[in-house]
């Protein structure tokens, strides 16, 4: 079943371009190393919180990627910009 992994974080004084570059490098590295990432959507809330929503084909594929992600240099580079990180995983039950 499709799952969504939502990561919320702050980036301090980092520039939008720097955040986007490092995050996009991470998305590309995850896709190259692990199957199942259908969509990666990044938004920013009015209070400056970034909300990164990744849609996975299944919980199993997501869990494999999450377990392996710390080994990717792109992961360390992207998360070096973040603070106040929270993660939520939810199951898609309906779409229209």
PDB file of N, CA and C in Angstrom:
ATOM      1  N   UNK A   1       0.837  -1.183   0.000  1.00  0.00           N
ATOM      2  CA  UNK A   1       0.000   0.000   0.000  1.00  0.00           C
ATOM      3  C   UNK A   1       0.883   1.247   0.000  1.00  0.00           C
ATOM      4  N   UNK A   2       0.450   2.261  -0.713  1.00  0.00           N
ATOM      5  CA  UNK A   2       1.178   3.518  -0.821  1.00  0.00           C
ATOM      6  C   UNK A   2       1.271   4.209   0.529  1.00  0.00           C
ATOM      7  N   UNK A   3       2.469   4.761   0.819  1.00  0.00           N
ATOM      8  CA  UNK A   3       2.664   5.515   2.052  1.00  0.00           C
ATOM      9  C   UNK A   3       3.280   6.868   1.730  1.00  0.00           C
ATOM     10  N   UNK A   4       3.041   7.809   2.627  1.00  0.00           N
ATOM     11  CA  UNK A   4       3.629   9.137   2.542  1.00  0.00           C
ATOM     12  C   UNK A   4       4.529   9.341   3.745  1.00  0.00           C
ATOM     13  N   UNK A   5       5.734   9.804   3.483  1.00  0.00           N
ATOM     14  CA  UNK A   5       6.657  10.154   4.562  1.00  0.00           C
ATOM     15  C   UNK A   5       6.797  11.672   4.529  1.00  0.00           C
ATOM     16  N   UNK A   6       6.355  12.313   5.588  1.00  0.00           N
ATOM     17  CA  UNK A   6       6.381  13.761   5.674  1.00  0.00           C
ATOM     18  C   UNK A   6       7.449  14.173   6.677  1.00  0.00           C
ATOM     19  N   UNK A   7       8.402  14.971   6.214  1.00  0.00           N
ATOM     20  CA  UNK A   7       9.470  15.468   7.065  1.00  0.00           C
ATOM     21  C   UNK A   7       9.339  16.979   7.159  1.00  0.00           C
ATOM     22  N   UNK A   8       9.273  17.481   8.385  1.00  0.00           N
ATOM     23  CA  UNK A   8       9.187  18.925   8.622  1.00  0.00           C
ATOM     24  C   UNK A   8      10.494  19.364   9.264  1.00  0.00           C
ATOM     25  N   UNK A   9      10.993  20.537   8.827  1.00  0.00           N
ATOM     26  CA  UNK A   9      12.256  21.015   9.383  1.00  0.00           C
ATOM     27  C   UNK A   9      12.430  22.510   9.170  1.00  0.00           C
ATOM     28  N   UNK A  10      13.367  23.061   9.889  1.00  0.00           N
ATOM     29  CA  UNK A  10      13.804  24.444   9.745  1.00  0.00           C
ATOM     30  C   UNK A  10      15.174  24.440   9.078  1.00  0.00           C
ATOM     31  N   UNK A  11      15.539  25.545   8.449  1.00  0.00           N
ATOM     32  CA  UNK A  11      16.850  25.608   7.805  1.00  0.00           C
ATOM     33  C   UNK A  11      17.681  26.800   8.237  1.00  0.00           C
ATOM     34  N   UNK A  12      17.244  27.550   9.204  1.00  0.00           N
ATOM     35  CA  UNK A  12      18.042  28.680   9.676  1.00  0.00           C
ATOM     36  C   UNK A  12      18.293  29.694   8.581  1.00  0.00           C
ATOM     37  N   UNK A  13      19.554  30.057   8.406  1.00  0.00           N
ATOM     38  CA  UNK A  13      19.898  31.113   7.453  1.00  0.00           C
ATOM     39  C   UNK A  13      20.299  30.584   6.080  1.00  0.00           C
ATOM     40  N   UNK A  14      20.126  29.313   5.848  1.00  0.00           N
ATOM     41  CA  UNK A  14      20.467  28.741   4.545  1.00  0.00           C
ATOM     42  C   UNK A  14      19.623  29.387   3.455  1.00  0.00           C
ATOM     43  N   UNK A  15      20.206  29.525   2.279  1.00  0.00           N
ATOM     44  CA  UNK A  15      19.458  30.105   1.165  1.00  0.00           C
ATOM     45  C   UNK A  15      18.522  29.059   0.567  1.00  0.00           C
ATOM     46  N   UNK A  16      17.485  29.541  -0.063  1.00  0.00           N
ATOM     47  CA  UNK A  16      16.537  28.646  -0.731  1.00  0.00           C
ATOM     48  C   UNK A  16      17.275  27.810  -1.771  1.00  0.00           C
ATOM     49  N   UNK A  17      18.160  28.440  -2.525  1.00  0.00           N
ATOM     50  CA  UNK A  17      18.897  27.726  -3.562  1.00  0.00           C
ATOM     51  C   UNK A  17      19.743  26.598  -2.974  1.00  0.00           C
ATOM     52  N   UNK A  18      20.385  26.857  -1.846  1.00  0.00           N
ATOM     53  CA  UNK A  18      21.220  25.840  -1.210  1.00  0.00           C
ATOM     54  C   UNK A  18      20.369  24.671  -0.706  1.00  0.00           C
ATOM     55  N   UNK A  19      19.245  24.981  -0.088  1.00  0.00           N
ATOM     56  CA  UNK A  19      18.334  23.933   0.388  1.00  0.00           C
ATOM     57  C   UNK A  19      17.843  23.093  -0.790  1.00  0.00           C
ATOM     58  N   UNK A  20      17.407  23.758  -1.854  1.00  0.00           N
ATOM     59  CA  UNK A  20      16.884  23.037  -3.018  1.00  0.00           C
ATOM     60  C   UNK A  20      17.953  22.178  -3.679  1.00  0.00           C
ATOM     61  N   UNK A  21      19.141  22.706  -3.827  1.00  0.00           N
ATOM     62  CA  UNK A  21      20.217  21.944  -4.463  1.00  0.00           C
ATOM     63  C   UNK A  21      20.532  20.679  -3.674  1.00  0.00           C
ATOM     64  N   UNK A  22      20.726  20.819  -2.381  1.00  0.00           N
ATOM     65  CA  UNK A  22      21.077  19.650  -1.563  1.00  0.00           C
ATOM     66  C   UNK A  22      19.922  18.659  -1.473  1.00  0.00           C
ATOM     67  N   UNK A  23      18.725  19.151  -1.357  1.00  0.00           N
ATOM     68  CA  UNK A  23      17.555  18.275  -1.283  1.00  0.00           C
ATOM     69  C   UNK A  23      17.357  17.540  -2.601  1.00  0.00           C
ATOM     70  N   UNK A  24      17.500  18.242  -3.724  1.00  0.00           N
ATOM     71  CA  UNK A  24      17.340  17.597  -5.032  1.00  0.00           C
ATOM     72  C   UNK A  24      18.435  16.564  -5.279  1.00  0.00           C
ATOM     73  N   UNK A  25      19.649  16.834  -4.809  1.00  0.00           N
ATOM     74  CA  UNK A  25      20.728  15.846  -4.898  1.00  0.00           C
ATOM     75  C   UNK A  25      20.363  14.596  -4.096  1.00  0.00           C
ATOM     76  N   UNK A  26      19.765  14.784  -2.926  1.00  0.00           N
ATOM     77  CA  UNK A  26      19.349  13.652  -2.100  1.00  0.00           C
ATOM     78  C   UNK A  26      18.250  12.850  -2.786  1.00  0.00           C
ATOM     79  N   UNK A  27      17.265  13.517  -3.339  1.00  0.00           N
ATOM     80  CA  UNK A  27      16.184  12.812  -4.040  1.00  0.00           C
ATOM     81  C   UNK A  27      16.761  11.973  -5.180  1.00  0.00           C
ATOM     82  N   UNK A  28      17.657  12.549  -5.956  1.00  0.00           N
ATOM     83  CA  UNK A  28      18.271  11.819  -7.073  1.00  0.00           C
ATOM     84  C   UNK A  28      19.070  10.623  -6.577  1.00  0.00           C
ATOM     85  N   UNK A  29      19.812  10.791  -5.486  1.00  0.00           N
ATOM     86  CA  UNK A  29      20.612   9.687  -4.943  1.00  0.00           C
ATOM     87  C   UNK A  29      19.725   8.569  -4.407  1.00  0.00           C
ATOM     88  N   UNK A  30      18.642   8.919  -3.746  1.00  0.00           N
ATOM     89  CA  UNK A  30      17.704   7.912  -3.237  1.00  0.00           C
ATOM     90  C   UNK A  30      17.097   7.146  -4.408  1.00  0.00           C
ATOM     91  N   UNK A  31      16.663   7.858  -5.428  1.00  0.00           N
ATOM     92  CA  UNK A  31      16.057   7.197  -6.591  1.00  0.00           C
ATOM     93  C   UNK A  31      17.047   6.281  -7.306  1.00  0.00           C
ATOM     94  N   UNK A  32      18.302   6.672  -7.340  1.00  0.00           N
ATOM     95  CA  UNK A  32      19.319   5.844  -7.996  1.00  0.00           C
ATOM     96  C   UNK A  32      19.637   4.590  -7.194  1.00  0.00           C
ATOM     97  N   UNK A  33      19.537   4.680  -5.883  1.00  0.00           N
ATOM     98  CA  UNK A  33      19.934   3.573  -5.014  1.00  0.00           C
ATOM     99  C   UNK A  33      18.789   2.664  -4.592  1.00  0.00           C
ATOM    100  N   UNK A  34      17.563   3.192  -4.581  1.00  0.00           N
ATOM    101  CA  UNK A  34      16.429   2.441  -4.040  1.00  0.00           C
ATOM    102  C   UNK A  34      15.192   2.625  -4.916  1.00  0.00           C
ATOM    103  N   UNK A  35      14.453   1.569  -5.169  1.00  0.00           N
ATOM    104  CA  UNK A  35      13.217   1.704  -5.951  1.00  0.00           C
ATOM    105  C   UNK A  35      12.065   2.192  -5.070  1.00  0.00           C
ATOM    106  N   UNK A  36      11.026   2.709  -5.730  1.00  0.00           N
ATOM    107  CA  UNK A  36       9.765   2.934  -5.037  1.00  0.00           C
ATOM    108  C   UNK A  36       9.393   4.359  -4.710  1.00  0.00           C
ATOM    109  N   UNK A  37      10.293   5.320  -4.911  1.00  0.00           N
ATOM    110  CA  UNK A  37       9.937   6.708  -4.632  1.00  0.00           C
ATOM    111  C   UNK A  37       9.195   7.269  -5.832  1.00  0.00           C
ATOM    112  N   UNK A  38       7.881   7.460  -5.688  1.00  0.00           N
ATOM    113  CA  UNK A  38       7.036   7.919  -6.783  1.00  0.00           C
ATOM    114  C   UNK A  38       7.036   9.435  -6.945  1.00  0.00           C
ATOM    115  N   UNK A  39       7.134  10.143  -5.827  1.00  0.00           N
ATOM    116  CA  UNK A  39       7.017  11.598  -5.871  1.00  0.00           C
ATOM    117  C   UNK A  39       7.732  12.192  -4.667  1.00  0.00           C
ATOM    118  N   UNK A  40       8.352  13.333  -4.882  1.00  0.00           N
ATOM    119  CA  UNK A  40       8.958  14.089  -3.787  1.00  0.00           C
ATOM    120  C   UNK A  40       8.540  15.542  -3.968  1.00  0.00           C
ATOM    121  N   UNK A  41       7.758  16.035  -3.024  1.00  0.00           N
ATOM    122  CA  UNK A  41       7.189  17.379  -3.128  1.00  0.00           C
ATOM    123  C   UNK A  41       7.630  18.191  -1.912  1.00  0.00           C
ATOM    124  N   UNK A  42       8.190  19.365  -2.164  1.00  0.00           N
ATOM    125  CA  UNK A  42       8.682  20.230  -1.096  1.00  0.00           C
ATOM    126  C   UNK A  42       7.845  21.492  -1.036  1.00  0.00           C
ATOM    127  N   UNK A  43       7.408  21.842   0.170  1.00  0.00           N
ATOM    128  CA  UNK A  43       6.650  23.073   0.382  1.00  0.00           C
ATOM    129  C   UNK A  43       7.272  23.828   1.553  1.00  0.00           C
ATOM    130  N   UNK A  44       6.867  25.069   1.686  1.00  0.00           N
ATOM    131  CA  UNK A  44       7.324  25.865   2.826  1.00  0.00           C
ATOM    132  C   UNK A  44       6.119  26.561   3.429  1.00  0.00           C
ATOM    133  N   UNK A  45       5.941  26.382   4.721  1.00  0.00           N
ATOM    134  CA  UNK A  45       4.815  26.989   5.439  1.00  0.00           C
ATOM    135  C   UNK A  45       5.117  28.465   5.721  1.00  0.00           C
ATOM    136  N   UNK A  46       4.096  29.185   6.098  1.00  0.00           N
ATOM    137  CA  UNK A  46       4.234  30.607   6.377  1.00  0.00           C
ATOM    138  C   UNK A  46       5.214  30.945   7.481  1.00  0.00           C
ATOM    139  N   UNK A  47       5.434  30.023   8.405  1.00  0.00           N
ATOM    140  CA  UNK A  47       6.375  30.275   9.499  1.00  0.00           C
ATOM    141  C   UNK A  47       7.812  29.906   9.141  1.00  0.00           C
ATOM    142  N   UNK A  48       8.047  29.537   7.865  1.00  0.00           N
ATOM    143  CA  UNK A  48       9.395  29.181   7.427  1.00  0.00           C
ATOM    144  C   UNK A  48       9.725  27.707   7.556  1.00  0.00           C
ATOM    145  N   UNK A  49       8.787  26.920   8.073  1.00  0.00           N
ATOM    146  CA  UNK A  49       9.005  25.478   8.176  1.00  0.00           C
ATOM    147  C   UNK A  49       8.911  24.861   6.787  1.00  0.00           C
ATOM    148  N   UNK A  50       9.897  24.028   6.444  1.00  0.00           N
ATOM    149  CA  UNK A  50       9.870  23.274   5.200  1.00  0.00           C
ATOM    150  C   UNK A  50       9.110  21.978   5.452  1.00  0.00           C
ATOM    151  N   UNK A  51       8.277  21.581   4.502  1.00  0.00           N
ATOM    152  CA  UNK A  51       7.511  20.342   4.606  1.00  0.00           C
ATOM    153  C   UNK A  51       7.816  19.532   3.347  1.00  0.00           C
ATOM    154  N   UNK A  52       8.500  18.407   3.544  1.00  0.00           N
ATOM    155  CA  UNK A  52       8.946  17.574   2.434  1.00  0.00           C
ATOM    156  C   UNK A  52       8.132  16.285   2.448  1.00  0.00           C
ATOM    157  N   UNK A  53       7.340  16.094   1.411  1.00  0.00           N
ATOM    158  CA  UNK A  53       6.420  14.960   1.317  1.00  0.00           C
ATOM    159  C   UNK A  53       6.917  14.011   0.240  1.00  0.00           C
ATOM    160  N   UNK A  54       7.255  12.790   0.658  1.00  0.00           N
ATOM    161  CA  UNK A  54       7.732  11.768  -0.281  1.00  0.00           C
ATOM    162  C   UNK A  54       6.710  10.650  -0.332  1.00  0.00           C
ATOM    163  N   UNK A  55       6.295  10.327  -1.538  1.00  0.00           N
ATOM    164  CA  UNK A  55       5.294   9.279  -1.763  1.00  0.00           C
ATOM    165  C   UNK A  55       6.008   8.006  -2.202  1.00  0.00           C
ATOM    166  N   UNK A  56       5.766   6.922  -1.475  1.00  0.00           N
ATOM    167  CA  UNK A  56       6.420   5.641  -1.730  1.00  0.00           C
ATOM    168  C   UNK A  56       5.387   4.604  -2.167  1.00  0.00           C
ATOM    169  N   UNK A  57       5.804   3.694  -3.049  1.00  0.00           N
ATOM    170  CA  UNK A  57       4.931   2.608  -3.505  1.00  0.00           C
ATOM    171  C   UNK A  57       4.474   1.731  -2.345  1.00  0.00           C
ATOM    172  N   UNK A  58       5.369   1.524  -1.376  1.00  0.00           N
ATOM    173  CA  UNK A  58       5.014   0.667  -0.236  1.00  0.00           C
ATOM    174  C   UNK A  58       5.855   1.034   0.972  1.00  0.00           C
ATOM    175  N   UNK A  59       5.376   0.621   2.132  1.00  0.00           N
ATOM    176  CA  UNK A  59       6.125   0.845   3.374  1.00  0.00           C
ATOM    177  C   UNK A  59       7.451   0.103   3.347  1.00  0.00           C
ATOM    178  N   UNK A  60       7.469  -1.085   2.764  1.00  0.00           N
ATOM    179  CA  UNK A  60       8.699  -1.892   2.720  1.00  0.00           C
ATOM    180  C   UNK A  60       9.789  -1.192   1.905  1.00  0.00           C
ATOM    181  N   UNK A  61       9.422  -0.642   0.755  1.00  0.00           N
ATOM    182  CA  UNK A  61      10.400   0.065  -0.065  1.00  0.00           C
ATOM    183  C   UNK A  61      10.891   1.328   0.633  1.00  0.00           C
ATOM    184  N   UNK A  62       9.981   2.046   1.285  1.00  0.00           N
ATOM    185  CA  UNK A  62      10.366   3.237   2.030  1.00  0.00           C
ATOM    186  C   UNK A  62      11.323   2.879   3.165  1.00  0.00           C
ATOM    187  N   UNK A  63      11.000   1.833   3.914  1.00  0.00           N
ATOM    188  CA  UNK A  63      11.836   1.440   5.046  1.00  0.00           C
ATOM    189  C   UNK A  63      13.238   1.037   4.604  1.00  0.00           C
ATOM    190  N   UNK A  64      13.348   0.366   3.472  1.00  0.00           N
ATOM    191  CA  UNK A  64      14.666  -0.010   2.954  1.00  0.00           C
ATOM    192  C   UNK A  64      15.477   1.241   2.616  1.00  0.00           C
ATOM    193  N   UNK A  65      14.834   2.209   1.979  1.00  0.00           N
ATOM    194  CA  UNK A  65      15.528   3.445   1.630  1.00  0.00           C
ATOM    195  C   UNK A  65      15.907   4.248   2.866  1.00  0.00           C
ATOM    196  N   UNK A  66      15.017   4.327   3.824  1.00  0.00           N
ATOM    197  CA  UNK A  66      15.308   5.060   5.061  1.00  0.00           C
ATOM    198  C   UNK A  66      16.471   4.415   5.805  1.00  0.00           C
ATOM    199  N   UNK A  67      16.513   3.096   5.819  1.00  0.00           N
ATOM    200  CA  UNK A  67      17.606   2.396   6.498  1.00  0.00           C
ATOM    201  C   UNK A  67      18.944   2.645   5.807  1.00  0.00           C
ATOM    202  N   UNK A  68      18.938   2.752   4.491  1.00  0.00           N
ATOM    203  CA  UNK A  68      20.177   2.941   3.747  1.00  0.00           C
ATOM    204  C   UNK A  68      20.583   4.387   3.540  1.00  0.00           C
ATOM    205  N   UNK A  69      19.663   5.314   3.682  1.00  0.00           N
ATOM    206  CA  UNK A  69      19.934   6.725   3.394  1.00  0.00           C
ATOM    207  C   UNK A  69      21.107   7.315   4.175  1.00  0.00           C
ATOM    208  N   UNK A  70      21.289   6.979   5.449  1.00  0.00           N
ATOM    209  CA  UNK A  70      22.419   7.568   6.173  1.00  0.00           C
ATOM    210  C   UNK A  70      23.787   7.242   5.566  1.00  0.00           C
ATOM    211  N   UNK A  71      23.867   6.201   4.763  1.00  0.00           N
ATOM    212  CA  UNK A  71      25.128   5.837   4.118  1.00  0.00           C
ATOM    213  C   UNK A  71      25.426   6.705   2.895  1.00  0.00           C
ATOM    214  N   UNK A  72      24.440   7.444   2.416  1.00  0.00           N
ATOM    215  CA  UNK A  72      24.616   8.283   1.234  1.00  0.00           C
ATOM    216  C   UNK A  72      25.182   9.646   1.634  1.00  0.00           C
ATOM    217  N   UNK A  73      26.259  10.090   0.989  1.00  0.00           N
ATOM    218  CA  UNK A  73      26.817  11.409   1.330  1.00  0.00           C
ATOM    219  C   UNK A  73      25.824  12.544   1.102  1.00  0.00           C
ATOM    220  N   UNK A  74      24.927  12.376   0.157  1.00  0.00           N
ATOM    221  CA  UNK A  74      23.915  13.413  -0.112  1.00  0.00           C
ATOM    222  C   UNK A  74      22.977  13.596   1.071  1.00  0.00           C
ATOM    223  N   UNK A  75      22.748  12.530   1.817  1.00  0.00           N
ATOM    224  CA  UNK A  75      21.883  12.618   2.992  1.00  0.00           C
ATOM    225  C   UNK A  75      22.513  13.505   4.059  1.00  0.00           C
ATOM    226  N   UNK A  76      23.766  13.262   4.354  1.00  0.00           N
ATOM    227  CA  UNK A  76      24.464  14.073   5.359  1.00  0.00           C
ATOM    228  C   UNK A  76      24.518  15.537   4.934  1.00  0.00           C
ATOM    229  N   UNK A  77      24.782  15.783   3.663  1.00  0.00           N
ATOM    230  CA  UNK A  77      24.850  17.170   3.168  1.00  0.00           C
ATOM    231  C   UNK A  77      23.498  17.871   3.289  1.00  0.00           C
ATOM    232  N   UNK A  78      22.426  17.187   2.915  1.00  0.00           N
ATOM    233  CA  UNK A  78      21.099  17.805   2.973  1.00  0.00           C
ATOM    234  C   UNK A  78      20.677  18.071   4.411  1.00  0.00           C
ATOM    235  N   UNK A  79      20.851  17.084   5.276  1.00  0.00           N
ATOM    236  CA  UNK A  79      20.382  17.244   6.654  1.00  0.00           C
ATOM    237  C   UNK A  79      21.290  18.115   7.502  1.00  0.00           C
ATOM    238  N   UNK A  80      22.484  18.443   7.011  1.00  0.00           N
ATOM    239  CA  UNK A  80      23.358  19.377   7.721  1.00  0.00           C
ATOM    240  C   UNK A  80      22.737  20.771   7.784  1.00  0.00           C
ATOM    241  N   UNK A  81      21.824  21.062   6.878  1.00  0.00           N
ATOM    242  CA  UNK A  81      21.163  22.367   6.837  1.00  0.00           C
ATOM    243  C   UNK A  81      19.942  22.446   7.740  1.00  0.00           C
ATOM    244  N   UNK A  82      19.509  21.322   8.297  1.00  0.00           N
ATOM    245  CA  UNK A  82      18.214  21.285   8.973  1.00  0.00           C
ATOM    246  C   UNK A  82      18.327  21.266  10.493  1.00  0.00           C
ATOM    247  N   UNK A  83      17.250  21.695  11.119  1.00  0.00           N
ATOM    248  CA  UNK A  83      17.081  21.576  12.574  1.00  0.00           C
ATOM    249  C   UNK A  83      15.599  21.357  12.838  1.00  0.00           C
ATOM    250  N   UNK A  84      15.286  20.976  14.053  1.00  0.00           N
ATOM    251  CA  UNK A  84      13.893  20.752  14.453  1.00  0.00           C
ATOM    252  C   UNK A  84      13.175  19.797  13.495  1.00  0.00           C
ATOM    253  N   UNK A  85      13.810  18.683  13.192  1.00  0.00           N
ATOM    254  CA  UNK A  85      13.278  17.717  12.230  1.00  0.00           C
ATOM    255  C   UNK A  85      12.248  16.813  12.898  1.00  0.00           C
ATOM    256  N   UNK A  86      11.091  16.683  12.263  1.00  0.00           N
ATOM    257  CA  UNK A  86      10.090  15.706  12.681  1.00  0.00           C
ATOM    258  C   UNK A  86       9.659  14.913  11.452  1.00  0.00           C
ATOM    259  N   UNK A  87       9.311  13.650  11.679  1.00  0.00           N
ATOM    260  CA  UNK A  87       8.917  12.771  10.579  1.00  0.00           C
ATOM    261  C   UNK A  87       7.614  12.081  10.939  1.00  0.00           C
ATOM    262  N   UNK A  88       6.756  11.958   9.936  1.00  0.00           N
ATOM    263  CA  UNK A  88       5.501  11.237  10.102  1.00  0.00           C
ATOM    264  C   UNK A  88       5.296  10.363   8.870  1.00  0.00           C
ATOM    265  N   UNK A  89       4.900   9.127   9.092  1.00  0.00           N
ATOM    266  CA  UNK A  89       4.583   8.206   7.985  1.00  0.00           C
ATOM    267  C   UNK A  89       3.107   7.883   8.072  1.00  0.00           C
ATOM    268  N   UNK A  90       2.420   8.054   6.934  1.00  0.00           N
ATOM    269  CA  UNK A  90       0.994   7.781   6.883  1.00  0.00           C
ATOM    270  C   UNK A  90       0.680   6.908   5.672  1.00  0.00           C
ATOM    271  N   UNK A  91      -0.402   6.185   5.761  1.00  0.00           N
ATOM    272  CA  UNK A  91      -0.846   5.288   4.700  1.00  0.00           C
ATOM    273  C   UNK A  91      -1.936   5.976   3.885  1.00  0.00           C
ATOM    274  N   UNK A  92      -1.828   5.910   2.572  1.00  0.00           N
ATOM    275  CA  UNK A  92      -2.850   6.486   1.708  1.00  0.00           C
ATOM    276  C   UNK A  92      -4.041   5.540   1.679  1.00  0.00           C
ATOM    277  N   UNK A  93      -5.210   6.035   2.052  1.00  0.00           N
ATOM    278  CA  UNK A  93      -6.399   5.199   2.093  1.00  0.00           C
ATOM    279  C   UNK A  93      -7.440   5.595   1.041  1.00  0.00           C
ATOM    280  N   UNK A  94      -7.291   6.799   0.478  1.00  0.00           N
ATOM    281  CA  UNK A  94      -8.228   7.226  -0.554  1.00  0.00           C
ATOM    282  C   UNK A  94      -7.600   8.354  -1.355  1.00  0.00           C
ATOM    283  N   UNK A  95      -7.854   8.335  -2.667  1.00  0.00           N
ATOM    284  CA  UNK A  95      -7.408   9.415  -3.542  1.00  0.00           C
ATOM    285  C   UNK A  95      -8.497   9.673  -4.569  1.00  0.00           C
ATOM    286  N   UNK A  96      -8.648  10.894  -4.941  1.00  0.00           N
ATOM    287  CA  UNK A  96      -9.662  11.251  -5.945  1.00  0.00           C
ATOM    288  C   UNK A  96      -9.079  12.207  -6.938  1.00  0.00           C
TER     289      UNK A  96
END
